[in-house]
C-alpha atoms as a PDB file:
ATOM      1  CA  GLN A   1      -8.429  -7.858  14.903  1.00  0.00           C
ATOM      2  CA  VAL A   2      -8.125  -5.362  12.057  1.00  0.00           C
ATOM      3  CA  GLN A   3     -10.085  -5.542   8.832  1.00  0.00           C
ATOM      4  CA  LEU A   4      -8.618  -3.912   5.741  1.00  0.00           C
ATOM      5  CA  VAL A   5     -10.366  -3.295   2.438  1.00  0.00           C
ATOM      6  CA  GLU A   6      -8.503  -1.924  -0.571  1.00  0.00           C
ATOM      7  CA  SER A   7     -10.011  -0.067  -3.508  1.00  0.00           C
ATOM      8  CA  GLY A   8      -8.893   1.994  -6.474  1.00  0.00           C
ATOM      9  CA  GLY A   9      -7.069  -0.513  -8.628  1.00  0.00           C
ATOM     10  CA  GLY A  10      -7.612  -0.801 -12.352  1.00  0.00           C
ATOM     11  CA  LEU A  11      -6.102  -0.581 -15.818  1.00  0.00           C
ATOM     12  CA  VAL A  12      -4.021   2.449 -16.731  1.00  0.00           C
ATOM     13  CA  GLN A  13      -1.651   3.391 -19.536  1.00  0.00           C
ATOM     14  CA  ALA A  14       2.046   3.749 -18.834  1.00  0.00           C
ATOM     15  CA  GLY A  15       2.751   7.220 -17.485  1.00  0.00           C
ATOM     16  CA  GLY A  16      -0.668   7.462 -15.905  1.00  0.00           C
ATOM     17  CA  SER A  17      -1.746   7.661 -12.272  1.00  0.00           C
ATOM     18  CA  LEU A  18      -3.870   5.707  -9.839  1.00  0.00           C
ATOM     19  CA  ARG A  19      -4.847   6.289  -6.239  1.00  0.00           C
ATOM     20  CA  LEU A  20      -5.302   3.265  -4.015  1.00  0.00           C
ATOM     21  CA  SER A  21      -7.244   3.505  -0.775  1.00  0.00           C
ATOM     22  CA  CYS A  22      -7.424   1.202   2.213  1.00  0.00           C
ATOM     23  CA  ALA A  23     -10.269   1.412   4.707  1.00  0.00           C
ATOM     24  CA  ALA A  24      -9.480   0.018   8.146  1.00  0.00           C
ATOM     25  CA  SER A  25     -11.777  -1.096  10.937  1.00  0.00           C
ATOM     26  CA  GLY A  26     -11.427  -2.990  14.192  1.00  0.00           C
ATOM     27  CA  ARG A  27      -8.617  -2.412  16.641  1.00  0.00           C
ATOM     28  CA  SER A  28      -7.055   1.024  17.054  1.00  0.00           C
ATOM     29  CA  PHE A  29      -5.945   2.249  13.671  1.00  0.00           C
ATOM     30  CA  THR A  30      -4.081   5.260  14.965  1.00  0.00           C
ATOM     31  CA  SER A  31      -1.444   3.141  16.705  1.00  0.00           C
ATOM     32  CA  ALA A  32      -0.762   0.855  13.753  1.00  0.00           C
ATOM     33  CA  LEU A  33       2.074   0.952  11.271  1.00  0.00           C
ATOM     34  CA  MET A  34       0.444   0.750   7.835  1.00  0.00           C
ATOM     35  CA  GLY A  35       2.008  -0.470   4.656  1.00  0.00           C
ATOM     36  CA  TRP A  36       1.420  -1.210   0.999  1.00  0.00           C
ATOM     37  CA  PHE A  37       2.902  -4.299  -0.605  1.00  0.00           C
ATOM     38  CA  ARG A  38       2.562  -5.765  -4.073  1.00  0.00           C
ATOM     39  CA  GLN A  39       2.887  -9.132  -5.729  1.00  0.00           C
ATOM     40  CA  GLY A  40       3.493  -9.361  -9.447  1.00  0.00           C
ATOM     41  CA  PRO A  41       2.960 -12.477 -11.574  1.00  0.00           C
ATOM     42  CA  GLY A  42       5.434 -15.149 -10.527  1.00  0.00           C
ATOM     43  CA  LYS A  43       7.063 -12.874  -7.977  1.00  0.00           C
ATOM     44  CA  GLU A  44       7.249 -12.711  -4.217  1.00  0.00           C
ATOM     45  CA  ARG A  45       5.265 -10.131  -2.292  1.00  0.00           C
ATOM     46  CA  GLU A  46       7.385  -7.006  -1.877  1.00  0.00           C
ATOM     47  CA  PHE A  47       7.286  -3.841   0.183  1.00  0.00           C
ATOM     48  CA  VAL A  48       6.175  -0.679  -1.615  1.00  0.00           C
ATOM     49  CA  ALA A  49       5.599   1.968   1.054  1.00  0.00           C
ATOM     50  CA  GLY A  50       4.924   2.304   4.770  1.00  0.00           C
ATOM     51  CA  ILE A  51       3.703   5.019   7.121  1.00  0.00           C
ATOM     52  CA  THR A  52       4.107   5.093  10.881  1.00  0.00           C
ATOM     53  CA  ARG A  53       1.432   6.198  13.315  1.00  0.00           C
ATOM     54  CA  THR A  54       3.121   9.615  13.493  1.00  0.00           C
ATOM     55  CA  GLY A  55       3.431   9.993   9.727  1.00  0.00           C
ATOM     56  CA  GLY A  56       6.976   8.844   9.090  1.00  0.00           C
ATOM     57  CA  THR A  57       7.300   7.224   5.673  1.00  0.00           C
ATOM     58  CA  ASP A  58       9.446   4.618   3.962  1.00  0.00           C
ATOM     59  CA  TYR A  59       9.521   3.724   0.285  1.00  0.00           C
ATOM     60  CA  ALA A  60      10.971   0.988  -1.836  1.00  0.00           C
ATOM     61  CA  VAL A  61      13.587   2.240  -4.282  1.00  0.00           C
ATOM     62  CA  SER A  62      11.195   1.468  -7.138  1.00  0.00           C
ATOM     63  CA  ALA A  63       8.496   3.668  -5.581  1.00  0.00           C
ATOM     64  CA  LYS A  64      10.539   6.617  -4.383  1.00  0.00           C
ATOM     65  CA  GLY A  65       9.732   9.815  -6.239  1.00  0.00           C
ATOM     66  CA  ARG A  66       6.660   8.346  -7.942  1.00  0.00           C
ATOM     67  CA  PHE A  67       4.457   7.025  -5.127  1.00  0.00           C
ATOM     68  CA  THR A  68       3.171   8.836  -2.040  1.00  0.00           C
ATOM     69  CA  ILE A  69       1.661   7.141   0.985  1.00  0.00           C
ATOM     70  CA  SER A  70      -0.606   9.043   3.350  1.00  0.00           C
ATOM     71  CA  ARG A  71      -2.983   8.307   6.189  1.00  0.00           C
ATOM     72  CA  ASP A  72      -6.066   9.910   7.658  1.00  0.00           C
ATOM     73  CA  ASN A  73      -6.434   8.704  11.225  1.00  0.00           C
ATOM     74  CA  ALA A  74      -9.847  10.315  11.674  1.00  0.00           C
ATOM     75  CA  GLN A  75     -11.214   8.470   8.630  1.00  0.00           C
ATOM     76  CA  GLU A  76      -9.113   5.355   9.313  1.00  0.00           C
ATOM     77  CA  MET A  77      -7.812   5.397   5.753  1.00  0.00           C
ATOM     78  CA  VAL A  78      -4.451   4.858   4.123  1.00  0.00           C
ATOM     79  CA  ASN A  79      -3.858   5.992   0.558  1.00  0.00           C
ATOM     80  CA  LEU A  80      -1.208   5.319  -2.041  1.00  0.00           C
ATOM     81  CA  GLN A  81      -0.933   7.875  -4.824  1.00  0.00           C
ATOM     82  CA  MET A  82       0.915   6.326  -7.750  1.00  0.00           C
ATOM     83  CA  ASN A  83       2.198   8.539 -10.554  1.00  0.00           C
ATOM     84  CA  SER A  84       4.301   7.884 -13.650  1.00  0.00           C
ATOM     85  CA  LEU A  85       3.213   4.268 -13.634  1.00  0.00           C
ATOM     86  CA  LYS A  86       5.265   1.700 -15.527  1.00  0.00           C
ATOM     87  CA  PRO A  87       4.340  -1.755 -16.862  1.00  0.00           C
ATOM     88  CA  GLU A  88       6.576  -3.274 -14.188  1.00  0.00           C
ATOM     89  CA  ASP A  89       4.262  -1.791 -11.543  1.00  0.00           C
ATOM     90  CA  THR A  90       1.622  -4.317 -12.627  1.00  0.00           C
ATOM     91  CA  ALA A  91       0.720  -6.373  -9.569  1.00  0.00           C
ATOM     92  CA  VAL A  92      -1.861  -7.084  -6.929  1.00  0.00           C
ATOM     93  CA  TYR A  93      -1.476  -4.388  -4.292  1.00  0.00           C
ATOM     94  CA  TYR A  94      -2.123  -5.204  -0.650  1.00  0.00           C
ATOM     95  CA  CYS A  95      -2.719  -2.977   2.348  1.00  0.00           C
ATOM     96  CA  ALA A  96      -1.319  -4.274   5.623  1.00  0.00           C
ATOM     97  CA  ALA A  97      -1.165  -3.341   9.300  1.00  0.00           C
ATOM     98  CA  SER A  98       1.578  -4.029  11.806  1.00  0.00           C
ATOM     99  CA  SER A  99       2.110  -3.658  15.543  1.00  0.00           C
ATOM    100  CA  TYR A 100       5.759  -2.799  14.935  1.00  0.00           C
ATOM    101  CA  ALA A 101       6.817   0.834  15.091  1.00  0.00           C
ATOM    102  CA  ARG A 102       8.487   0.730  11.691  1.00  0.00           C
ATOM    103  CA  SER A 103       9.172  -2.139   9.277  1.00  0.00           C
ATOM    104  CA  THR A 104       9.500  -3.018   5.612  1.00  0.00           C
ATOM    105  CA  ASP A 105       9.368  -6.773   6.329  1.00  0.00           C
ATOM    106  CA  LYS A 106       6.145  -8.416   5.217  1.00  0.00           C
ATOM    107  CA  ASP A 107       6.538 -11.047   7.957  1.00  0.00           C
ATOM    108  CA  GLN A 108       6.153  -8.301  10.567  1.00  0.00           C
ATOM    109  CA  TYR A 109       2.730  -7.285   9.280  1.00  0.00           C
ATOM    110  CA  ASP A 110      -0.144  -9.037  11.016  1.00  0.00           C
ATOM    111  CA  TYR A 111      -3.233  -8.046   9.035  1.00  0.00           C
ATOM    112  CA  TRP A 112      -3.802  -7.968   5.294  1.00  0.00           C
ATOM    113  CA  GLY A 113      -6.484  -6.851   2.899  1.00  0.00           C
ATOM    114  CA  GLN A 114      -7.704  -8.961   0.003  1.00  0.00           C
ATOM    115  CA  GLY A 115      -5.703  -7.000  -2.563  1.00  0.00           C
ATOM    116  CA  THR A 116      -6.556  -4.861  -5.574  1.00  0.00           C
ATOM    117  CA  GLN A 117      -5.255  -5.433  -9.099  1.00  0.00           C
ATOM    118  CA  VAL A 118      -3.223  -2.737 -10.822  1.00  0.00           C
ATOM    119  CA  THR A 119      -2.433  -3.269 -14.493  1.00  0.00           C
ATOM    120  CA  VAL A 120      -0.235  -0.847 -16.402  1.00  0.00           C
ATOM    121  CA  ALA A 121      -0.385  -1.186 -20.170  1.00  0.00           C
ATOM    122  CA  SER A 122       2.587  -0.231 -22.307  1.00  0.00           C
END
């Protein structure tokens, strides 16, 4: 079992930045693939960014160049630095953990946090 708790969401103006954090506890964090997903109003949950246990990263097209995912295995934390935010980035952001080596498929993630709201005002 892995417990995930997100923090850092909030309201920001377009063009601004936010840093989301995810604190993990439970089973071995260092071996887990970690990801960030988001779900906007009336939309399906979608992949944003992922980081493998060795630090390899994947990004959605919408996130590439603006968002940066990182992990601190010693602190059991995963962060998502979001810059140049746009109104279309408004969503609930979820941290997730997977036993797969690498995946952007939400159905291959086993554990989820409760989510944190990000609202970008135009």
